[in-house]
Protein backbone atom coordinates (compact mmCIF):
# COMPACT_ATOMS: atom_id res chain seq x y z
CA UNK A 1 -0.11 0.14 0.06
CA UNK A 2 1.52 3.11 -1.22
CA UNK A 3 -0.99 5.62 -0.15
CA UNK A 4 -1.85 5.92 3.73
CA UNK A 5 -4.35 8.53 3.42
CA UNK A 6 -7.66 7.83 3.37
CA UNK A 7 -10.63 9.97 1.83
CA UNK A 8 -14.27 10.12 2.47
CA UNK A 9 -17.27 12.10 2.23
CA UNK A 10 -20.29 13.00 4.86
CA UNK A 11 -23.59 13.76 3.33
CA UNK A 12 -26.55 14.70 5.44
CA UNK A 13 -29.96 14.98 3.78
CA UNK A 14 -33.17 16.18 5.48
CA UNK A 15 -36.64 16.27 3.85
CA UNK A 16 -34.58 14.73 0.78
CA UNK A 17 -32.36 17.73 0.21
CA UNK A 18 -28.64 18.04 0.88
CA UNK A 19 -28.18 20.22 4.20
CA UNK A 20 -24.84 19.60 4.94
CA UNK A 21 -21.67 18.23 2.83
CA UNK A 22 -18.28 17.36 4.27
CA UNK A 23 -15.20 15.87 3.06
CA UNK A 24 -13.02 14.13 5.64
CA UNK A 25 -9.43 12.48 5.23
CA UNK A 26 -7.33 10.84 7.54
CA UNK A 27 -3.73 9.65 7.89
CA UNK A 28 -3.65 5.44 8.13
CA UNK A 29 0.14 5.22 8.16
CA UNK A 30 -0.07 4.26 11.96
CA UNK A 31 -2.56 1.37 11.54
CA UNK A 32 -6.69 1.60 12.13
CA UNK A 33 -6.30 2.11 15.84
CA UNK A 34 -4.92 5.27 15.87
CA UNK A 35 -7.18 6.71 12.39
CA UNK A 36 -8.14 10.15 13.14
CA UNK A 37 -10.63 11.16 10.53
CA UNK A 38 -10.40 14.99 10.14
CA UNK A 39 -12.94 17.59 8.34
CA UNK A 40 -10.80 19.16 5.31
CA UNK A 41 -13.59 20.75 3.44
CA UNK A 42 -17.25 22.18 3.60
CA UNK A 43 -19.18 21.66 0.36
CA UNK A 44 -22.81 22.28 1.44
CA UNK A 45 -24.75 24.12 3.96
CA UNK A 46 -28.35 24.69 4.24
CA UNK A 47 -29.12 25.75 7.92
CA UNK A 48 -32.96 24.87 8.78
CA UNK A 49 -35.39 23.17 11.45
CA UNK A 50 -32.94 19.87 10.82
CA UNK A 51 -29.93 22.01 13.02
CA UNK A 52 -32.25 21.51 16.33
CA UNK A 53 -32.51 17.59 15.41
CA UNK A 54 -28.29 17.48 15.37
CA UNK A 55 -27.99 19.46 18.74
CA UNK A 56 -30.49 17.02 20.45
CA UNK A 57 -28.92 14.03 19.13
CA UNK A 58 -25.04 15.54 20.25
CA UNK A 59 -26.66 15.99 23.45
CA UNK A 60 -28.00 12.61 24.05
CA UNK A 61 -24.42 11.36 22.78
CA UNK A 62 -22.72 13.49 25.42
CA UNK A 63 -24.90 12.34 28.07
CA UNK A 64 -24.22 8.32 27.20
CA UNK A 65 -20.32 9.14 27.09
CA UNK A 66 -20.95 10.77 30.79
CA UNK A 67 -22.66 8.12 32.27
CA UNK A 68 -20.67 5.17 30.80
CA UNK A 69 -17.68 7.05 32.17
CA UNK A 70 -18.99 7.54 35.63
CA UNK A 71 -20.45 3.96 35.91
CA UNK A 72 -16.89 2.66 34.88
CA UNK A 73 -15.40 5.21 37.26
CA UNK A 74 -17.29 4.05 40.15
CA UNK A 75 -16.99 0.41 39.39
CA UNK A 76 -13.45 0.79 39.08
CA UNK A 77 -13.22 2.55 42.40
CA UNK A 78 -15.45 0.09 44.03
CA UNK A 79 -13.18 -2.46 42.60
CA UNK A 80 -9.93 -0.57 44.53
CA UNK A 81 -11.73 -0.41 47.65
CA UNK A 82 -12.53 -4.13 47.75
CA UNK A 83 -8.98 -4.82 47.64
CA UNK A 84 -7.79 -2.84 50.83
CA UNK A 85 -8.28 -4.35 53.87
CA UNK A 86 -7.83 -2.31 57.01
């Protein structure tokens, strides 16, 4: 494999019309587990009511990540505490 770059397109449609178009790229030279996709160009943007739905989805994703992280930390603390003998 001579080319270690990956390219892609993100397209979001609302009510059948393109409302966001973004080109992305990544450096694949360090392997799959280290790939980080980056935005390279915005090719379409049509603001509208769809934007509030994206914000709501982002809030749900953020809340889910926070719950997962807090759960993991709580379990980790309890696991460590269970190994302490006083």
